[in-house]
C-alpha cells in the first residue's frame, strides 16, 4: 500500500515536471519563430529601402542582420532541444512506473536545469536534416548577394 502511494506521488511529480519541460520547450520554439519572423521582416524593410535609395551598403547590413538572427534562432533552438531531451528522460521514468518497474531517475532529477548547449549541438542544428532552420535564411542571403551585384 505504501509502495502504491510512493508510485502515485512519483507519478504526479514526474507528470508535473514533464508538463513544465513541454511548456518550456514550446516557449523556446515560439521565441525562435519570433526571432526568424523579426529577422525576415527587418530584412525585407532594409532590402526595400536599399532598392529605393539605391544604397548597396544597406544590403550588407541586411545580410549581417540575417546572420545574427539565424545565430540567435539556433541558440534558442539548442535550448529548446535540451528541454525536449529532458522531457524524454522524464517520459522514460513515467513509462517505468506504468510498467511496474523501478523508475530510472532522470539525469539531474526533475529540475529545469539543462546541460549547457555545446558547439556540437550548434553544428547538429546546421546539419542537412535540420534544413528547415537554416535554408530559408540561406536563400535570403543568396538573394541579397544577387541584389547587391545587380544594383
N, C-alpha and C. Protein backbone atom coordinates (compact mmCIF):
# COMPACT_ATOMS: atom_id res chain seq x y z
N UNK A 1 0.82 -1.19 0.00
CA UNK A 1 0.00 0.00 0.00
C UNK A 1 0.87 1.26 0.00
N UNK A 2 1.91 1.26 0.85
CA UNK A 2 2.82 2.42 0.89
C UNK A 2 3.57 2.56 -0.42
N UNK A 3 3.85 1.41 -1.07
CA UNK A 3 4.55 1.45 -2.36
C UNK A 3 3.67 2.10 -3.44
N UNK A 4 2.36 1.82 -3.39
CA UNK A 4 1.43 2.44 -4.33
C UNK A 4 1.37 3.95 -4.13
N UNK A 5 1.38 4.37 -2.87
CA UNK A 5 1.34 5.80 -2.56
C UNK A 5 2.60 6.48 -3.07
N UNK A 6 3.74 5.84 -2.87
CA UNK A 6 5.00 6.41 -3.39
C UNK A 6 4.98 6.50 -4.91
N UNK A 7 4.47 5.46 -5.57
CA UNK A 7 4.38 5.49 -7.03
C UNK A 7 3.44 6.59 -7.51
N UNK A 8 2.33 6.80 -6.79
CA UNK A 8 1.40 7.86 -7.17
C UNK A 8 2.04 9.24 -7.00
N UNK A 9 2.76 9.40 -5.90
CA UNK A 9 3.46 10.68 -5.68
C UNK A 9 4.53 10.90 -6.73
N UNK A 10 5.29 9.84 -7.00
CA UNK A 10 6.35 9.94 -8.03
C UNK A 10 5.74 10.25 -9.38
N UNK A 11 4.64 9.59 -9.70
CA UNK A 11 3.96 9.83 -10.98
C UNK A 11 3.48 11.27 -11.08
N UNK A 12 2.86 11.76 -10.01
CA UNK A 12 2.35 13.14 -10.02
C UNK A 12 3.49 14.14 -10.19
N UNK A 13 4.58 13.91 -9.49
CA UNK A 13 5.74 14.79 -9.61
C UNK A 13 6.33 14.74 -11.02
N UNK A 14 6.46 13.54 -11.55
CA UNK A 14 7.02 13.39 -12.90
C UNK A 14 6.10 14.00 -13.96
N UNK A 15 4.81 13.84 -13.80
CA UNK A 15 3.86 14.42 -14.76
C UNK A 15 3.97 15.94 -14.74
N UNK A 16 4.04 16.52 -13.55
CA UNK A 16 4.18 17.98 -13.44
C UNK A 16 5.50 18.44 -14.06
N UNK A 17 6.57 17.71 -13.80
CA UNK A 17 7.87 18.06 -14.38
C UNK A 17 7.82 17.93 -15.90
N UNK A 18 7.15 16.87 -16.40
CA UNK A 18 7.03 16.68 -17.84
C UNK A 18 6.26 17.83 -18.47
N UNK A 19 5.16 18.24 -17.83
CA UNK A 19 4.37 19.37 -18.34
C UNK A 19 5.20 20.65 -18.37
N UNK A 20 6.00 20.85 -17.33
CA UNK A 20 6.86 22.03 -17.27
C UNK A 20 7.88 22.02 -18.40
N UNK A 21 8.51 20.87 -18.64
CA UNK A 21 9.50 20.76 -19.73
C UNK A 21 8.84 21.01 -21.08
N UNK A 22 7.66 20.45 -21.26
CA UNK A 22 6.94 20.66 -22.52
C UNK A 22 6.61 22.14 -22.71
N UNK A 23 6.21 22.79 -21.65
CA UNK A 23 5.89 24.22 -21.72
C UNK A 23 7.13 25.06 -22.05
N UNK A 24 8.24 24.73 -21.41
CA UNK A 24 9.49 25.45 -21.68
C UNK A 24 9.96 25.22 -23.12
N UNK A 25 9.86 24.00 -23.59
CA UNK A 25 10.26 23.69 -24.97
C UNK A 25 9.37 24.45 -25.96
N UNK A 26 8.07 24.47 -25.68
CA UNK A 26 7.14 25.19 -26.56
C UNK A 26 7.45 26.68 -26.57
N UNK A 27 7.71 27.24 -25.40
CA UNK A 27 8.04 28.67 -25.31
C UNK A 27 9.30 29.01 -26.09
N UNK A 28 10.31 28.15 -26.01
CA UNK A 28 11.54 28.39 -26.77
C UNK A 28 11.29 28.27 -28.26
N UNK A 29 10.45 27.31 -28.66
CA UNK A 29 10.12 27.16 -30.08
C UNK A 29 9.42 28.40 -30.62
N UNK A 30 8.48 28.93 -29.83
CA UNK A 30 7.78 30.15 -30.24
C UNK A 30 8.74 31.33 -30.32
N UNK A 31 9.66 31.41 -29.37
CA UNK A 31 10.64 32.51 -29.39
C UNK A 31 11.53 32.42 -30.63
N UNK A 32 11.92 31.20 -30.99
CA UNK A 32 12.77 31.02 -32.17
C UNK A 32 12.03 31.48 -33.44
N UNK A 33 10.75 31.14 -33.54
CA UNK A 33 9.98 31.58 -34.71
C UNK A 33 9.81 33.09 -34.72
N UNK A 34 9.64 33.71 -33.56
CA UNK A 34 9.52 35.17 -33.49
C UNK A 34 10.81 35.84 -33.95
N UNK A 35 11.94 35.28 -33.55
CA UNK A 35 13.24 35.83 -33.98
C UNK A 35 13.36 35.72 -35.50
N UNK A 36 13.01 34.55 -36.05
CA UNK A 36 13.07 34.37 -37.50
C UNK A 36 12.15 35.38 -38.20
N UNK A 37 10.92 35.53 -37.69
CA UNK A 37 9.96 36.47 -38.30
C UNK A 37 10.48 37.90 -38.21
N UNK A 38 11.04 38.26 -37.06
CA UNK A 38 11.59 39.60 -36.91
C UNK A 38 12.73 39.82 -37.90
N UNK A 39 13.62 38.84 -38.01
CA UNK A 39 14.75 38.96 -38.94
C UNK A 39 14.30 39.11 -40.39
N UNK A 40 13.35 38.29 -40.81
CA UNK A 40 12.87 38.36 -42.19
C UNK A 40 12.13 39.66 -42.45
N UNK A 41 11.33 40.10 -41.49
CA UNK A 41 10.60 41.36 -41.66
C UNK A 41 11.57 42.54 -41.77
N UNK A 42 12.55 42.58 -40.90
CA UNK A 42 13.53 43.67 -40.94
C UNK A 42 14.37 43.59 -42.20
N UNK A 43 14.74 42.37 -42.62
CA UNK A 43 15.48 42.19 -43.86
C UNK A 43 14.68 42.75 -45.03
N UNK A 44 13.38 42.45 -45.08
CA UNK A 44 12.53 42.93 -46.16
C UNK A 44 12.50 44.45 -46.20
N UNK A 45 12.36 45.08 -45.05
CA UNK A 45 12.33 46.54 -44.99
C UNK A 45 13.66 47.13 -45.45
N UNK A 46 14.75 46.52 -45.00
CA UNK A 46 16.07 47.02 -45.41
C UNK A 46 16.30 46.85 -46.91
N UNK A 47 15.88 45.73 -47.45
CA UNK A 47 16.04 45.50 -48.89
C UNK A 47 15.21 46.50 -49.69
N UNK A 48 13.99 46.76 -49.24
CA UNK A 48 13.14 47.74 -49.94
C UNK A 48 13.78 49.13 -49.88
N UNK A 49 14.30 49.48 -48.72
CA UNK A 49 14.95 50.78 -48.60
C UNK A 49 16.22 50.85 -49.45
N UNK A 50 16.98 49.79 -49.46
CA UNK A 50 18.21 49.77 -50.28
C UNK A 50 17.86 49.95 -51.75
N UNK A 51 16.79 49.33 -52.18
CA UNK A 51 16.38 49.42 -53.59
C UNK A 51 15.91 50.83 -53.92
N UNK A 52 15.08 51.41 -53.05
CA UNK A 52 14.55 52.75 -53.36
C UNK A 52 15.61 53.83 -53.22
N UNK A 53 16.55 53.65 -52.31
CA UNK A 53 17.59 54.67 -52.13
C UNK A 53 18.84 54.37 -52.96
N UNK A 54 18.85 53.20 -53.59
CA UNK A 54 19.99 52.76 -54.40
C UNK A 54 21.30 52.78 -53.59
N UNK A 55 21.23 52.23 -52.38
CA UNK A 55 22.36 52.18 -51.47
C UNK A 55 22.75 50.72 -51.24
N UNK A 56 23.87 50.33 -51.83
CA UNK A 56 24.32 48.93 -51.72
C UNK A 56 24.70 48.54 -50.29
N UNK A 57 25.20 49.49 -49.53
CA UNK A 57 25.68 49.19 -48.19
C UNK A 57 24.56 48.67 -47.28
N UNK A 58 23.35 49.11 -47.54
CA UNK A 58 22.22 48.65 -46.72
C UNK A 58 21.98 47.16 -46.95
N UNK A 59 22.28 46.68 -48.14
CA UNK A 59 22.15 45.25 -48.41
C UNK A 59 23.13 44.46 -47.54
N UNK A 60 24.33 45.00 -47.37
CA UNK A 60 25.30 44.34 -46.49
C UNK A 60 24.80 44.30 -45.04
N UNK A 61 24.16 45.37 -44.61
CA UNK A 61 23.58 45.40 -43.28
C UNK A 61 22.48 44.35 -43.17
N UNK A 62 21.66 44.21 -44.22
CA UNK A 62 20.57 43.22 -44.18
C UNK A 62 21.13 41.80 -44.12
N UNK A 63 22.25 41.55 -44.79
CA UNK A 63 22.88 40.22 -44.73
C UNK A 63 23.39 39.96 -43.31
N UNK A 64 24.03 40.95 -42.72
CA UNK A 64 24.52 40.80 -41.34
C UNK A 64 23.35 40.54 -40.39
N UNK A 65 22.26 41.23 -40.61
CA UNK A 65 21.07 41.03 -39.77
C UNK A 65 20.54 39.60 -39.90
N UNK A 66 20.51 39.07 -41.11
CA UNK A 66 20.06 37.69 -41.31
C UNK A 66 20.96 36.70 -40.57
N UNK A 67 22.25 36.93 -40.65
CA UNK A 67 23.19 36.02 -39.99
C UNK A 67 23.02 36.08 -38.47
N UNK A 68 22.89 37.27 -37.93
CA UNK A 68 22.71 37.42 -36.48
C UNK A 68 21.39 36.79 -36.03
N UNK A 69 20.32 37.03 -36.79
CA UNK A 69 19.03 36.45 -36.39
C UNK A 69 19.07 34.93 -36.49
N UNK A 70 19.79 34.37 -37.47
CA UNK A 70 19.93 32.92 -37.57
C UNK A 70 20.70 32.38 -36.37
N UNK A 71 21.78 33.05 -35.99
CA UNK A 71 22.56 32.60 -34.83
C UNK A 71 21.72 32.62 -33.55
N UNK A 72 20.94 33.68 -33.37
CA UNK A 72 20.09 33.75 -32.18
C UNK A 72 19.03 32.65 -32.22
N UNK A 73 18.44 32.43 -33.38
CA UNK A 73 17.43 31.38 -33.51
C UNK A 73 18.02 30.00 -33.18
N UNK A 74 19.21 29.73 -33.69
CA UNK A 74 19.84 28.43 -33.45
C UNK A 74 20.17 28.26 -31.96
N UNK A 75 20.61 29.31 -31.32
CA UNK A 75 20.91 29.24 -29.88
C UNK A 75 19.63 28.93 -29.09
N UNK A 76 18.54 29.59 -29.43
CA UNK A 76 17.27 29.34 -28.75
C UNK A 76 16.81 27.90 -29.02
N UNK A 77 16.97 27.44 -30.25
CA UNK A 77 16.56 26.07 -30.59
C UNK A 77 17.42 25.03 -29.85
N UNK A 78 18.69 25.34 -29.63
CA UNK A 78 19.54 24.43 -28.85
C UNK A 78 18.94 24.22 -27.47
N UNK A 79 18.54 25.30 -26.84
CA UNK A 79 17.96 25.20 -25.51
C UNK A 79 16.62 24.47 -25.57
N UNK A 80 15.83 24.74 -26.61
CA UNK A 80 14.57 24.03 -26.79
C UNK A 80 14.79 22.52 -26.86
N UNK A 81 15.77 22.10 -27.63
CA UNK A 81 16.03 20.67 -27.78
C UNK A 81 16.56 20.05 -26.49
N UNK A 82 17.26 20.84 -25.68
CA UNK A 82 17.71 20.34 -24.37
C UNK A 82 16.49 20.07 -23.47
N UNK A 83 15.49 20.96 -23.53
CA UNK A 83 14.26 20.73 -22.76
C UNK A 83 13.51 19.51 -23.29
N UNK A 84 13.53 19.31 -24.59
CA UNK A 84 12.88 18.13 -25.16
C UNK A 84 13.59 16.86 -24.70
N UNK A 85 14.93 16.88 -24.69
CA UNK A 85 15.69 15.72 -24.19
C UNK A 85 15.32 15.43 -22.74
N UNK A 86 15.23 16.47 -21.91
CA UNK A 86 14.88 16.29 -20.51
C UNK A 86 13.47 15.72 -20.40
N UNK A 87 12.58 16.19 -21.24
CA UNK A 87 11.20 15.68 -21.25
C UNK A 87 11.17 14.19 -21.58
N UNK A 88 11.99 13.77 -22.51
CA UNK A 88 12.05 12.35 -22.88
C UNK A 88 12.59 11.50 -21.72
N UNK A 89 13.55 12.02 -20.97
CA UNK A 89 14.05 11.30 -19.79
C UNK A 89 12.93 11.11 -18.76
N UNK A 90 12.13 12.15 -18.58
CA UNK A 90 11.02 12.07 -17.62
C UNK A 90 9.97 11.08 -18.13
N UNK A 91 9.72 11.07 -19.44
CA UNK A 91 8.77 10.11 -20.01
C UNK A 91 9.23 8.68 -19.75
N UNK A 92 10.53 8.43 -19.87
CA UNK A 92 11.04 7.09 -19.60
C UNK A 92 10.78 6.68 -18.15
N UNK A 93 10.93 7.61 -17.23
CA UNK A 93 10.64 7.32 -15.83
C UNK A 93 9.16 7.02 -15.63
N UNK A 94 8.31 7.79 -16.28
CA UNK A 94 6.87 7.54 -16.19
C UNK A 94 6.50 6.18 -16.78
N UNK A 95 7.12 5.83 -17.90
CA UNK A 95 6.87 4.52 -18.51
C UNK A 95 7.29 3.40 -17.58
N UNK A 96 8.41 3.58 -16.89
CA UNK A 96 8.87 2.57 -15.93
C UNK A 96 7.84 2.37 -14.81
N UNK A 97 7.30 3.46 -14.30
CA UNK A 97 6.31 3.37 -13.23
C UNK A 97 5.06 2.65 -13.75
N UNK A 98 4.62 3.01 -14.96
CA UNK A 98 3.43 2.36 -15.53
C UNK A 98 3.65 0.88 -15.78
N UNK A 99 4.87 0.50 -16.09
CA UNK A 99 5.19 -0.90 -16.34
C UNK A 99 5.44 -1.67 -15.05
N UNK A 100 5.39 -0.99 -13.91
CA UNK A 100 5.61 -1.64 -12.64
C UNK A 100 7.07 -1.87 -12.30
N UNK A 101 7.96 -1.21 -13.02
CA UNK A 101 9.39 -1.35 -12.77
C UNK A 101 9.87 -0.20 -11.89
N UNK A 102 11.09 -0.35 -11.38
CA UNK A 102 11.69 0.76 -10.65
C UNK A 102 12.01 1.87 -11.65
N UNK A 103 11.53 3.08 -11.38
CA UNK A 103 11.75 4.16 -12.36
C UNK A 103 13.22 4.58 -12.44
N UNK A 104 13.67 4.81 -13.66
CA UNK A 104 15.01 5.38 -13.86
C UNK A 104 14.91 6.86 -13.51
N UNK A 105 15.78 7.30 -12.67
CA UNK A 105 15.78 8.71 -12.30
C UNK A 105 16.41 9.51 -13.43
N UNK A 106 15.71 10.57 -13.89
CA UNK A 106 16.30 11.41 -14.94
C UNK A 106 17.61 12.03 -14.48
N UNK A 107 18.54 12.18 -15.42
CA UNK A 107 19.80 12.84 -15.11
C UNK A 107 19.49 14.23 -14.55
N UNK A 108 20.10 14.61 -13.48
CA UNK A 108 19.86 15.89 -12.78
C UNK A 108 18.46 15.96 -12.17
N UNK A 109 17.81 14.82 -11.95
CA UNK A 109 16.49 14.80 -11.33
C UNK A 109 15.44 15.40 -12.24
N UNK A 110 14.44 16.06 -11.67
CA UNK A 110 13.36 16.65 -12.45
C UNK A 110 13.51 18.16 -12.54
N UNK A 111 14.70 18.63 -12.34
CA UNK A 111 14.99 20.06 -12.39
C UNK A 111 14.87 20.59 -13.82
N UNK A 112 14.59 21.88 -13.92
CA UNK A 112 14.58 22.54 -15.24
C UNK A 112 15.98 22.92 -15.68
N UNK A 113 16.97 22.62 -14.86
CA UNK A 113 18.35 22.90 -15.20
C UNK A 113 18.80 21.91 -16.28
N UNK A 114 19.14 22.42 -17.45
CA UNK A 114 19.57 21.55 -18.55
C UNK A 114 21.05 21.78 -18.82
N UNK A 115 21.65 20.81 -19.51
CA UNK A 115 23.06 20.94 -19.87
C UNK A 115 23.26 22.16 -20.77
N UNK A 116 24.40 22.77 -20.62
CA UNK A 116 24.74 23.90 -21.49
C UNK A 116 24.95 23.39 -22.90
N UNK A 117 24.28 24.04 -23.87
CA UNK A 117 24.49 23.61 -25.25
C UNK A 117 25.96 23.75 -25.65
N UNK A 118 26.39 22.83 -26.49
CA UNK A 118 27.79 22.81 -26.91
C UNK A 118 27.91 23.17 -28.39
N UNK A 119 29.14 23.27 -28.83
CA UNK A 119 29.39 23.54 -30.25
C UNK A 119 28.85 22.40 -31.10
N UNK A 120 28.95 21.18 -30.60
CA UNK A 120 28.41 20.02 -31.31
C UNK A 120 26.88 20.16 -31.49
N UNK A 121 26.19 20.61 -30.44
CA UNK A 121 24.74 20.84 -30.53
C UNK A 121 24.45 21.90 -31.59
N UNK A 122 25.27 22.95 -31.60
CA UNK A 122 25.10 24.03 -32.57
C UNK A 122 25.26 23.49 -33.99
N UNK A 123 26.29 22.70 -34.22
CA UNK A 123 26.54 22.15 -35.55
C UNK A 123 25.47 21.15 -35.96
N UNK A 124 24.90 20.42 -34.99
CA UNK A 124 23.81 19.49 -35.30
C UNK A 124 22.60 20.21 -35.85
N UNK A 125 22.35 21.43 -35.35
CA UNK A 125 21.21 22.19 -35.86
C UNK A 125 21.47 22.75 -37.25
N UNK A 126 22.72 22.77 -37.66
CA UNK A 126 23.04 23.23 -39.01
C UNK A 126 23.24 22.05 -39.96
N UNK A 127 22.92 20.84 -39.51
CA UNK A 127 23.07 19.66 -40.35
C UNK A 127 21.98 19.63 -41.42
N UNK A 128 22.18 18.76 -42.41
CA UNK A 128 21.26 18.68 -43.54
C UNK A 128 19.84 18.31 -43.10
N UNK A 129 19.70 17.46 -42.11
CA UNK A 129 18.36 17.05 -41.70
C UNK A 129 17.59 18.16 -40.99
N UNK A 130 18.24 19.21 -40.60
CA UNK A 130 17.58 20.36 -39.97
C UNK A 130 17.49 21.54 -40.95
N UNK A 131 17.34 21.26 -42.22
CA UNK A 131 17.38 22.28 -43.26
C UNK A 131 16.28 23.34 -43.11
N UNK A 132 15.18 23.00 -42.47
CA UNK A 132 14.11 23.99 -42.29
C UNK A 132 14.54 25.15 -41.40
N UNK A 133 15.56 24.94 -40.60
CA UNK A 133 16.05 26.01 -39.73
C UNK A 133 16.92 26.99 -40.53
N UNK A 134 17.85 26.48 -41.31
CA UNK A 134 18.85 27.36 -41.92
C UNK A 134 18.62 27.66 -43.40
N UNK A 135 17.92 26.81 -44.13
CA UNK A 135 17.78 27.02 -45.58
C UNK A 135 17.03 28.31 -45.94
N UNK A 136 15.92 28.65 -45.27
CA UNK A 136 15.25 29.92 -45.63
C UNK A 136 16.18 31.13 -45.49
N UNK A 137 16.98 31.14 -44.43
CA UNK A 137 17.91 32.26 -44.25
C UNK A 137 18.99 32.24 -45.32
N UNK A 138 19.47 31.07 -45.67
CA UNK A 138 20.48 30.95 -46.71
C UNK A 138 19.95 31.45 -48.06
N UNK A 139 18.70 31.15 -48.35
CA UNK A 139 18.09 31.63 -49.60
C UNK A 139 18.00 33.15 -49.59
N UNK A 140 17.60 33.73 -48.48
CA UNK A 140 17.53 35.20 -48.40
C UNK A 140 18.91 35.84 -48.53
N UNK A 141 19.92 35.22 -47.95
CA UNK A 141 21.28 35.73 -48.10
C UNK A 141 21.70 35.66 -49.57
N UNK A 142 21.36 34.56 -50.25
CA UNK A 142 21.68 34.42 -51.67
C UNK A 142 21.01 35.53 -52.48
N UNK A 143 19.72 35.77 -52.24
CA UNK A 143 19.03 36.84 -52.96
C UNK A 143 19.62 38.20 -52.64
N UNK A 144 20.08 38.39 -51.43
CA UNK A 144 20.71 39.66 -51.06
C UNK A 144 22.01 39.86 -51.83
N UNK A 145 22.79 38.81 -51.95
CA UNK A 145 24.06 38.90 -52.70
C UNK A 145 23.79 39.19 -54.17
N UNK A 146 22.80 38.52 -54.74
CA UNK A 146 22.42 38.77 -56.14
C UNK A 146 21.97 40.23 -56.30
N UNK A 147 21.14 40.72 -55.37
CA UNK A 147 20.68 42.11 -55.44
C UNK A 147 21.85 43.08 -55.31
N UNK A 148 22.82 42.73 -54.47
CA UNK A 148 23.99 43.59 -54.30
C UNK A 148 24.77 43.72 -55.60
N UNK A 149 24.92 42.62 -56.31
CA UNK A 149 25.70 42.65 -57.55
C UNK A 149 24.96 43.30 -58.70
N UNK A 150 23.64 43.29 -58.68
CA UNK A 150 22.88 43.86 -59.78
C UNK A 150 22.39 45.27 -59.51
N UNK A 151 22.69 45.81 -58.34
CA UNK A 151 22.22 47.17 -58.04
C UNK A 151 23.19 48.18 -58.59
